[in-house]
Amino acid sequence: ATLRGLGAVAVPRGEHRAAQAALETALGVLDSGGAFGIHP
């Protein structure tokens, strides 16, 4: 509940597949007009 309250979005663990899922999830946030935080 705390994570959701802070705007966290769940992504699966793993390597390449997880990285791709993370980017697609982030893109979904942006496509819906939201703000997305990232540490490059």
PDB file of all heavy atoms in Angstrom:
ATOM      1  N   ALA A   1       0.831  -1.209   0.000  1.00  0.00           N
ATOM      2  CA  ALA A   1       0.000   0.000   0.000  1.00  0.00           C
ATOM      3  C   ALA A   1       0.862   1.254   0.000  1.00  0.00           C
ATOM      4  O   ALA A   1       0.539   2.254  -0.667  1.00  0.00           O
ATOM      5  CB  ALA A   1      -0.932  -0.004   1.209  1.00  0.00           C
ATOM      6  N   THR A   2       1.971   1.219   0.739  1.00  0.00           N
ATOM      7  CA  THR A   2       2.880   2.368   0.780  1.00  0.00           C
ATOM      8  C   THR A   2       3.483   2.624  -0.595  1.00  0.00           C
ATOM      9  O   THR A   2       3.542   3.765  -1.069  1.00  0.00           O
ATOM     10  CB  THR A   2       3.993   2.131   1.806  1.00  0.00           C
ATOM     11  OG1 THR A   2       3.412   1.960   3.100  1.00  0.00           O
ATOM     12  CG2 THR A   2       4.961   3.306   1.846  1.00  0.00           C
ATOM     13  N   LEU A   3       3.933   1.556  -1.249  1.00  0.00           N
ATOM     14  CA  LEU A   3       4.527   1.698  -2.584  1.00  0.00           C
ATOM     15  C   LEU A   3       3.503   2.247  -3.576  1.00  0.00           C
ATOM     16  O   LEU A   3       3.815   3.137  -4.374  1.00  0.00           O
ATOM     17  CB  LEU A   3       5.065   0.359  -3.060  1.00  0.00           C
ATOM     18  CG  LEU A   3       6.332  -0.130  -2.342  1.00  0.00           C
ATOM     19  CD1 LEU A   3       6.642  -1.560  -2.738  1.00  0.00           C
ATOM     20  CD2 LEU A   3       7.507   0.774  -2.664  1.00  0.00           C
ATOM     21  N   ARG A   4       2.287   1.734  -3.517  1.00  0.00           N
ATOM     22  CA  ARG A   4       1.261   2.239  -4.435  1.00  0.00           C
ATOM     23  C   ARG A   4       0.937   3.705  -4.137  1.00  0.00           C
ATOM     24  O   ARG A   4       0.708   4.492  -5.051  1.00  0.00           O
ATOM     25  CB  ARG A   4       0.005   1.379  -4.338  1.00  0.00           C
ATOM     26  CG  ARG A   4       0.193  -0.042  -4.882  1.00  0.00           C
ATOM     27  CD  ARG A   4      -1.125  -0.790  -4.995  1.00  0.00           C
ATOM     28  NE  ARG A   4      -0.915  -2.141  -5.495  1.00  0.00           N
ATOM     29  CZ  ARG A   4      -0.840  -3.222  -4.715  1.00  0.00           C
ATOM     30  NH1 ARG A   4      -0.992  -3.100  -3.404  1.00  0.00           N
ATOM     31  NH2 ARG A   4      -0.636  -4.411  -5.241  1.00  0.00           N
ATOM     32  N   GLY A   5       0.922   4.049  -2.860  1.00  0.00           N
ATOM     33  CA  GLY A   5       0.661   5.428  -2.499  1.00  0.00           C
ATOM     34  C   GLY A   5       1.719   6.383  -3.003  1.00  0.00           C
ATOM     35  O   GLY A   5       1.438   7.559  -3.270  1.00  0.00           O
ATOM     36  N   LEU A   6       2.940   5.874  -3.151  1.00  0.00           N
ATOM     37  CA  LEU A   6       4.036   6.692  -3.651  1.00  0.00           C
ATOM     38  C   LEU A   6       4.160   6.634  -5.172  1.00  0.00           C
ATOM     39  O   LEU A   6       5.054   7.260  -5.743  1.00  0.00           O
ATOM     40  CB  LEU A   6       5.354   6.238  -3.011  1.00  0.00           C
ATOM     41  CG  LEU A   6       5.487   6.525  -1.512  1.00  0.00           C
ATOM     42  CD1 LEU A   6       6.762   5.907  -0.974  1.00  0.00           C
ATOM     43  CD2 LEU A   6       5.477   8.023  -1.260  1.00  0.00           C
ATOM     44  N   GLY A   7       3.291   5.865  -5.811  1.00  0.00           N
ATOM     45  CA  GLY A   7       3.309   5.812  -7.272  1.00  0.00           C
ATOM     46  C   GLY A   7       4.141   4.700  -7.858  1.00  0.00           C
ATOM     47  O   GLY A   7       4.420   4.704  -9.063  1.00  0.00           O
ATOM     48  N   ALA A   8       4.563   3.733  -7.044  1.00  0.00           N
ATOM     49  CA  ALA A   8       5.395   2.653  -7.551  1.00  0.00           C
ATOM     50  C   ALA A   8       4.608   1.733  -8.473  1.00  0.00           C
ATOM     51  O   ALA A   8       3.432   1.465  -8.255  1.00  0.00           O
ATOM     52  CB  ALA A   8       5.979   1.846  -6.401  1.00  0.00           C
ATOM     53  N   VAL A   9       5.282   1.241  -9.506  1.00  0.00           N
ATOM     54  CA  VAL A   9       4.701   0.306 -10.463  1.00  0.00           C
ATOM     55  C   VAL A   9       5.526  -0.977 -10.424  1.00  0.00           C
ATOM     56  O   VAL A   9       6.760  -0.931 -10.516  1.00  0.00           O
ATOM     57  CB  VAL A   9       4.711   0.893 -11.889  1.00  0.00           C
ATOM     58  CG1 VAL A   9       4.122  -0.101 -12.883  1.00  0.00           C
ATOM     59  CG2 VAL A   9       3.941   2.209 -11.930  1.00  0.00           C
ATOM     60  N   ALA A  10       4.875  -2.121 -10.274  1.00  0.00           N
ATOM     61  CA  ALA A  10       5.580  -3.390 -10.136  1.00  0.00           C
ATOM     62  C   ALA A  10       6.131  -3.870 -11.469  1.00  0.00           C
ATOM     63  O   ALA A  10       5.470  -3.785 -12.503  1.00  0.00           O
ATOM     64  CB  ALA A  10       4.638  -4.445  -9.562  1.00  0.00           C
ATOM     65  N   VAL A  11       7.370  -4.377 -11.444  1.00  0.00           N
ATOM     66  CA  VAL A  11       7.980  -5.009 -12.613  1.00  0.00           C
ATOM     67  C   VAL A  11       8.619  -6.317 -12.165  1.00  0.00           C
ATOM     68  O   VAL A  11       9.085  -6.432 -11.028  1.00  0.00           O
ATOM     69  CB  VAL A  11       9.041  -4.111 -13.286  1.00  0.00           C
ATOM     70  CG1 VAL A  11       8.403  -2.906 -13.928  1.00  0.00           C
ATOM     71  CG2 VAL A  11      10.111  -3.684 -12.290  1.00  0.00           C
ATOM     72  N   PRO A  12       8.651  -7.331 -13.032  1.00  0.00           N
ATOM     73  CA  PRO A  12       9.227  -8.624 -12.645  1.00  0.00           C
ATOM     74  C   PRO A  12      10.737  -8.578 -12.557  1.00  0.00           C
ATOM     75  O   PRO A  12      11.391  -7.731 -13.159  1.00  0.00           O
ATOM     76  CB  PRO A  12       8.774  -9.552 -13.782  1.00  0.00           C
ATOM     77  CG  PRO A  12       8.627  -8.636 -14.958  1.00  0.00           C
ATOM     78  CD  PRO A  12       8.117  -7.341 -14.395  1.00  0.00           C
ATOM     79  N   ARG A  13      11.295  -9.537 -11.800  1.00  0.00           N
ATOM     80  CA  ARG A  13      12.745  -9.669 -11.724  1.00  0.00           C
ATOM     81  C   ARG A  13      13.250 -10.402 -12.953  1.00  0.00           C
ATOM     82  O   ARG A  13      12.513 -11.045 -13.670  1.00  0.00           O
ATOM     83  CB  ARG A  13      13.140 -10.433 -10.469  1.00  0.00           C
ATOM     84  CG  ARG A  13      12.834  -9.712  -9.184  1.00  0.00           C
ATOM     85  CD  ARG A  13      13.522 -10.364  -8.011  1.00  0.00           C
ATOM     86  NE  ARG A  13      14.969 -10.188  -8.070  1.00  0.00           N
ATOM     87  CZ  ARG A  13      15.800 -10.574  -7.093  1.00  0.00           C
ATOM     88  NH1 ARG A  13      15.341 -11.183  -6.032  1.00  0.00           N
ATOM     89  NH2 ARG A  13      17.093 -10.384  -7.193  1.00  0.00           N
ATOM     90  N   GLY A  14      14.562 -10.320 -13.160  1.00  0.00           N
ATOM     91  CA  GLY A  14      15.178 -10.979 -14.299  1.00  0.00           C
ATOM     92  C   GLY A  14      16.205 -10.055 -14.909  1.00  0.00           C
ATOM     93  O   GLY A  14      16.576  -9.047 -14.328  1.00  0.00           O
ATOM     94  N   GLU A  15      16.632 -10.370 -16.129  1.00  0.00           N
ATOM     95  CA  GLU A  15      17.633  -9.535 -16.767  1.00  0.00           C
ATOM     96  C   GLU A  15      17.054  -8.887 -18.018  1.00  0.00           C
ATOM     97  O   GLU A  15      16.348  -7.893 -17.928  1.00  0.00           O
ATOM     98  CB  GLU A  15      18.881 -10.360 -17.053  1.00  0.00           C
ATOM     99  CG  GLU A  15      19.532 -10.837 -15.735  1.00  0.00           C
ATOM    100  CD  GLU A  15      20.911 -11.407 -15.943  1.00  0.00           C
ATOM    101  OE1 GLU A  15      21.448 -11.278 -17.054  1.00  0.00           O
ATOM    102  OE2 GLU A  15      21.460 -11.976 -14.989  1.00  0.00           O
ATOM    103  N   HIS A  16      17.301  -9.461 -19.198  1.00  0.00           N
ATOM    104  CA  HIS A  16      16.843  -8.780 -20.415  1.00  0.00           C
ATOM    105  C   HIS A  16      15.324  -8.624 -20.435  1.00  0.00           C
ATOM    106  O   HIS A  16      14.801  -7.555 -20.735  1.00  0.00           O
ATOM    107  CB  HIS A  16      17.304  -9.549 -21.654  1.00  0.00           C
ATOM    108  CG  HIS A  16      16.759  -8.972 -22.931  1.00  0.00           C
ATOM    109  ND1 HIS A  16      17.235  -7.789 -23.474  1.00  0.00           N
ATOM    110  CD2 HIS A  16      15.756  -9.382 -23.748  1.00  0.00           C
ATOM    111  CE1 HIS A  16      16.555  -7.515 -24.568  1.00  0.00           C
ATOM    112  NE2 HIS A  16      15.656  -8.455 -24.767  1.00  0.00           N
ATOM    113  N   ARG A  17      14.602  -9.704 -20.109  1.00  0.00           N
ATOM    114  CA  ARG A  17      13.146  -9.644 -20.181  1.00  0.00           C
ATOM    115  C   ARG A  17      12.593  -8.619 -19.197  1.00  0.00           C
ATOM    116  O   ARG A  17      11.661  -7.879 -19.506  1.00  0.00           O
ATOM    117  CB  ARG A  17      12.563 -11.027 -19.898  1.00  0.00           C
ATOM    118  CG  ARG A  17      11.044 -11.079 -20.051  1.00  0.00           C
ATOM    119  CD  ARG A  17      10.538 -12.496 -20.117  1.00  0.00           C
ATOM    120  NE  ARG A  17      10.993 -13.290 -18.975  1.00  0.00           N
ATOM    121  CZ  ARG A  17      10.733 -14.591 -18.847  1.00  0.00           C
ATOM    122  NH1 ARG A  17      10.064 -15.229 -19.785  1.00  0.00           N
ATOM    123  NH2 ARG A  17      11.158 -15.250 -17.786  1.00  0.00           N
ATOM    124  N   ALA A  18      13.198  -8.564 -18.001  1.00  0.00           N
ATOM    125  CA  ALA A  18      12.741  -7.603 -17.009  1.00  0.00           C
ATOM    126  C   ALA A  18      13.050  -6.177 -17.441  1.00  0.00           C
ATOM    127  O   ALA A  18      12.246  -5.263 -17.230  1.00  0.00           O
ATOM    128  CB  ALA A  18      13.383  -7.897 -15.659  1.00  0.00           C
ATOM    129  N   ALA A  19      14.214  -5.980 -18.048  1.00  0.00           N
ATOM    130  CA  ALA A  19      14.578  -4.641 -18.511  1.00  0.00           C
ATOM    131  C   ALA A  19      13.610  -4.172 -19.588  1.00  0.00           C
ATOM    132  O   ALA A  19      13.165  -3.007 -19.583  1.00  0.00           O
ATOM    133  CB  ALA A  19      16.013  -4.641 -19.040  1.00  0.00           C
ATOM    134  N   GLN A  20      13.258  -5.047 -20.502  1.00  0.00           N
ATOM    135  CA  GLN A  20      12.310  -4.680 -21.546  1.00  0.00           C
ATOM    136  C   GLN A  20      10.928  -4.414 -20.960  1.00  0.00           C
ATOM    137  O   GLN A  20      10.246  -3.463 -21.341  1.00  0.00           O
ATOM    138  CB  GLN A  20      12.231  -5.788 -22.597  1.00  0.00           C
ATOM    139  CG  GLN A  20      11.368  -5.445 -23.800  1.00  0.00           C
ATOM    140  CD  GLN A  20      11.886  -4.221 -24.553  1.00  0.00           C
ATOM    141  OE1 GLN A  20      13.105  -4.040 -24.687  1.00  0.00           O
ATOM    142  NE2 GLN A  20      10.983  -3.392 -25.036  1.00  0.00           N
ATOM    143  N   ALA A  21      10.514  -5.247 -19.998  1.00  0.00           N
ATOM    144  CA  ALA A  21       9.217  -5.041 -19.346  1.00  0.00           C
ATOM    145  C   ALA A  21       9.188  -3.715 -18.613  1.00  0.00           C
ATOM    146  O   ALA A  21       8.169  -3.005 -18.610  1.00  0.00           O
ATOM    147  CB  ALA A  21       8.938  -6.185 -18.381  1.00  0.00           C
ATOM    148  N   ALA A  22      10.317  -3.342 -17.998  1.00  0.00           N
ATOM    149  CA  ALA A  22      10.386  -2.070 -17.271  1.00  0.00           C
ATOM    150  C   ALA A  22      10.215  -0.894 -18.223  1.00  0.00           C
ATOM    151  O   ALA A  22       9.471   0.061 -17.931  1.00  0.00           O
ATOM    152  CB  ALA A  22      11.717  -1.969 -16.533  1.00  0.00           C
ATOM    153  N   LEU A  23      10.889  -0.949 -19.368  1.00  0.00           N
ATOM    154  CA  LEU A  23      10.767   0.137 -20.341  1.00  0.00           C
ATOM    155  C   LEU A  23       9.343   0.233 -20.887  1.00  0.00           C
ATOM    156  O   LEU A  23       8.795   1.329 -21.045  1.00  0.00           O
ATOM    157  CB  LEU A  23      11.757  -0.069 -21.487  1.00  0.00           C
ATOM    158  CG  LEU A  23      13.234   0.200 -21.168  1.00  0.00           C
ATOM    159  CD1 LEU A  23      14.106  -0.157 -22.361  1.00  0.00           C
ATOM    160  CD2 LEU A  23      13.451   1.653 -20.766  1.00  0.00           C
ATOM    161  N   GLU A  24       8.738  -0.905 -21.161  1.00  0.00           N
ATOM    162  CA  GLU A  24       7.371  -0.893 -21.686  1.00  0.00           C
ATOM    163  C   GLU A  24       6.383  -0.376 -20.643  1.00  0.00           C
ATOM    164  O   GLU A  24       5.437   0.358 -20.970  1.00  0.00           O
ATOM    165  CB  GLU A  24       6.992  -2.298 -22.156  1.00  0.00           C
ATOM    166  CG  GLU A  24       7.769  -2.735 -23.400  1.00  0.00           C
ATOM    167  CD  GLU A  24       7.535  -4.185 -23.756  1.00  0.00           C
ATOM    168  OE1 GLU A  24       6.798  -4.874 -23.002  1.00  0.00           O
ATOM    169  OE2 GLU A  24       8.094  -4.649 -24.772  1.00  0.00           O
ATOM    170  N   THR A  25       6.614  -0.729 -19.378  1.00  0.00           N
ATOM    171  CA  THR A  25       5.755  -0.224 -18.305  1.00  0.00           C
ATOM    172  C   THR A  25       5.897   1.285 -18.177  1.00  0.00           C
ATOM    173  O   THR A  25       4.903   2.015 -18.049  1.00  0.00           O
ATOM    174  CB  THR A  25       6.119  -0.897 -16.973  1.00  0.00           C
ATOM    175  OG1 THR A  25       5.917  -2.307 -17.087  1.00  0.00           O
ATOM    176  CG2 THR A  25       5.264  -0.358 -15.839  1.00  0.00           C
ATOM    177  N   ALA A  26       7.141   1.763 -18.209  1.00  0.00           N
ATOM    178  CA  ALA A  26       7.382   3.201 -18.124  1.00  0.00           C
ATOM    179  C   ALA A  26       6.754   3.937 -19.304  1.00  0.00           C
ATOM    180  O   ALA A  26       6.167   5.018 -19.138  1.00  0.00           O
ATOM    181  CB  ALA A  26       8.878   3.473 -18.082  1.00  0.00           C
ATOM    182  N   LEU A  27       6.855   3.355 -20.492  1.00  0.00           N
ATOM    183  CA  LEU A  27       6.270   3.981 -21.674  1.00  0.00           C
ATOM    184  C   LEU A  27       4.755   4.069 -21.536  1.00  0.00           C
ATOM    185  O   LEU A  27       4.132   5.055 -21.954  1.00  0.00           O
ATOM    186  CB  LEU A  27       6.653   3.191 -22.926  1.00  0.00           C
ATOM    187  CG  LEU A  27       6.235   3.795 -24.269  1.00  0.00           C
ATOM    188  CD1 LEU A  27       6.829   5.191 -24.450  1.00  0.00           C
ATOM    189  CD2 LEU A  27       6.676   2.889 -25.421  1.00  0.00           C
ATOM    190  N   GLY A  28       4.149   3.063 -20.919  1.00  0.00           N
ATOM    191  CA  GLY A  28       2.706   3.103 -20.685  1.00  0.00           C
ATOM    192  C   GLY A  28       2.312   4.255 -19.779  1.00  0.00           C
ATOM    193  O   GLY A  28       1.282   4.905 -20.001  1.00  0.00           O
ATOM    194  N   VAL A  29       3.121   4.515 -18.748  1.00  0.00           N
ATOM    195  CA  VAL A  29       2.859   5.659 -17.860  1.00  0.00           C
ATOM    196  C   VAL A  29       2.902   6.960 -18.650  1.00  0.00           C
ATOM    197  O   VAL A  29       2.028   7.825 -18.520  1.00  0.00           O
ATOM    198  CB  VAL A  29       3.898   5.690 -16.715  1.00  0.00           C
ATOM    199  CG1 VAL A  29       3.780   6.996 -15.910  1.00  0.00           C
ATOM    200  CG2 VAL A  29       3.721   4.494 -15.792  1.00  0.00           C
ATOM    201  N   LEU A  30       3.910   7.100 -19.491  1.00  0.00           N
ATOM    202  CA  LEU A  30       4.067   8.333 -20.272  1.00  0.00           C
ATOM    203  C   LEU A  30       2.963   8.469 -21.320  1.00  0.00           C
ATOM    204  O   LEU A  30       2.429   9.573 -21.535  1.00  0.00           O
ATOM    205  CB  LEU A  30       5.445   8.349 -20.932  1.00  0.00           C
ATOM    206  CG  LEU A  30       6.631   8.391 -19.960  1.00  0.00           C
ATOM    207  CD1 LEU A  30       7.935   8.117 -20.694  1.00  0.00           C
ATOM    208  CD2 LEU A  30       6.692   9.731 -19.238  1.00  0.00           C
ATOM    209  N   ASP A  31       2.620   7.367 -21.971  1.00  0.00           N
ATOM    210  CA  ASP A  31       1.563   7.419 -22.989  1.00  0.00           C
ATOM    211  C   ASP A  31       0.216   7.818 -22.394  1.00  0.00           C
ATOM    212  O   ASP A  31      -0.644   8.360 -23.096  1.00  0.00           O
ATOM    213  CB  ASP A  31       1.439   6.057 -23.691  1.00  0.00           C
ATOM    214  CG  ASP A  31       2.579   5.808 -24.676  1.00  0.00           C
ATOM    215  OD1 ASP A  31       3.281   6.772 -25.022  1.00  0.00           O
ATOM    216  OD2 ASP A  31       2.761   4.652 -25.086  1.00  0.00           O
ATOM    217  N   SER A  32       0.044   7.563 -21.096  1.00  0.00           N
ATOM    218  CA  SER A  32      -1.208   7.954 -20.435  1.00  0.00           C
ATOM    219  C   SER A  32      -1.145   9.371 -19.872  1.00  0.00           C
ATOM    220  O   SER A  32      -2.074   9.812 -19.190  1.00  0.00           O
ATOM    221  CB  SER A  32      -1.547   6.961 -19.323  1.00  0.00           C
ATOM    222  OG  SER A  32      -0.587   7.028 -18.283  1.00  0.00           O
ATOM    223  N   GLY A  33      -0.049  10.079 -20.161  1.00  0.00           N
ATOM    224  CA  GLY A  33       0.074  11.463 -19.726  1.00  0.00           C
ATOM    225  C   GLY A  33       0.669  11.641 -18.352  1.00  0.00           C
ATOM    226  O   GLY A  33       0.594  12.725 -17.768  1.00  0.00           O
ATOM    227  N   GLY A  34       1.309  10.584 -17.815  1.00  0.00           N
ATOM    228  CA  GLY A  34       1.849  10.651 -16.467  1.00  0.00           C
ATOM    229  C   GLY A  34       3.299  11.091 -16.420  1.00  0.00           C
ATOM    230  O   GLY A  34       3.969  11.250 -17.445  1.00  0.00           O
ATOM    231  N   ALA A  35       3.784  11.276 -15.195  1.00  0.00           N
ATOM    232  CA  ALA A  35       5.187  11.590 -14.939  1.00  0.00           C
ATOM    233  C   ALA A  35       5.887  10.318 -14.481  1.00  0.00           C
ATOM    234  O   ALA A  35       5.340   9.549 -13.678  1.00  0.00           O
ATOM    235  CB  ALA A  35       5.307  12.670 -13.872  1.00  0.00           C
ATOM    236  N   PHE A  36       7.098  10.111 -14.968  1.00  0.00           N
ATOM    237  CA  PHE A  36       7.836   8.898 -14.642  1.00  0.00           C
ATOM    238  C   PHE A  36       9.225   9.267 -14.155  1.00  0.00           C
ATOM    239  O   PHE A  36       9.921  10.057 -14.787  1.00  0.00           O
ATOM    240  CB  PHE A  36       7.933   7.976 -15.850  1.00  0.00           C
ATOM    241  CG  PHE A  36       8.675   6.698 -15.569  1.00  0.00           C
ATOM    242  CD1 PHE A  36       8.061   5.674 -14.870  1.00  0.00           C
ATOM    243  CD2 PHE A  36       9.989   6.539 -15.967  1.00  0.00           C
ATOM    244  CE1 PHE A  36       8.747   4.508 -14.567  1.00  0.00           C
ATOM    245  CE2 PHE A  36      10.683   5.378 -15.676  1.00  0.00           C
ATOM    246  CZ  PHE A  36      10.054   4.360 -14.972  1.00  0.00           C
ATOM    247  N   GLY A  37       9.643   8.704 -13.014  1.00  0.00           N
ATOM    248  CA  GLY A  37      10.967   8.968 -12.462  1.00  0.00           C
ATOM    249  C   GLY A  37      11.934   7.835 -12.758  1.00  0.00           C
ATOM    250  O   GLY A  37      11.569   6.660 -12.688  1.00  0.00           O
ATOM    251  N   ILE A  38      13.167   8.186 -13.091  1.00  0.00           N
ATOM    252  CA  ILE A  38      14.171   7.188 -13.453  1.00  0.00           C
ATOM    253  C   ILE A  38      15.551   7.664 -13.020  1.00  0.00           C
ATOM    254  O   ILE A  38      15.829   8.865 -12.997  1.00  0.00           O
ATOM    255  CB  ILE A  38      14.140   6.917 -14.981  1.00  0.00           C
ATOM    256  CG1 ILE A  38      15.046   5.748 -15.360  1.00  0.00           C
ATOM    257  CG2 ILE A  38      14.515   8.177 -15.767  1.00  0.00           C
ATOM    258  CD1 ILE A  38      14.900   5.310 -16.817  1.00  0.00           C
ATOM    259  N   HIS A  39      16.406   6.706 -12.658  1.00  0.00           N
ATOM    260  CA  HIS A  39      17.802   6.988 -12.337  1.00  0.00           C
ATOM    261  C   HIS A  39      18.650   6.408 -13.471  1.00  0.00           C
ATOM    262  O   HIS A  39      18.876   5.189 -13.512  1.00  0.00           O
ATOM    263  CB  HIS A  39      18.201   6.347 -11.010  1.00  0.00           C
ATOM    264  CG  HIS A  39      17.413   6.852  -9.837  1.00  0.00           C
ATOM    265  ND1 HIS A  39      17.503   8.147  -9.381  1.00  0.00           N
ATOM    266  CD2 HIS A  39      16.517   6.226  -9.036  1.00  0.00           C
ATOM    267  CE1 HIS A  39      16.699   8.298  -8.339  1.00  0.00           C
ATOM    268  NE2 HIS A  39      16.083   7.156  -8.122  1.00  0.00           N
ATOM    269  N   PRO A  40      19.117   7.234 -14.410  1.00  0.00           N
ATOM    270  CA  PRO A  40      19.855   6.691 -15.563  1.00  0.00           C
ATOM    271  C   PRO A  40      21.129   5.945 -15.193  1.00  0.00           C
ATOM    272  O   PRO A  40      21.585   5.105 -15.975  1.00  0.00           O
ATOM    273  CB  PRO A  40      20.173   7.946 -16.389  1.00  0.00           C
ATOM    274  CG  PRO A  40      19.124   8.941 -16.005  1.00  0.00           C
ATOM    275  CD  PRO A  40      18.863   8.675 -14.552  1.00  0.00           C
TER     276      PRO A  40
END
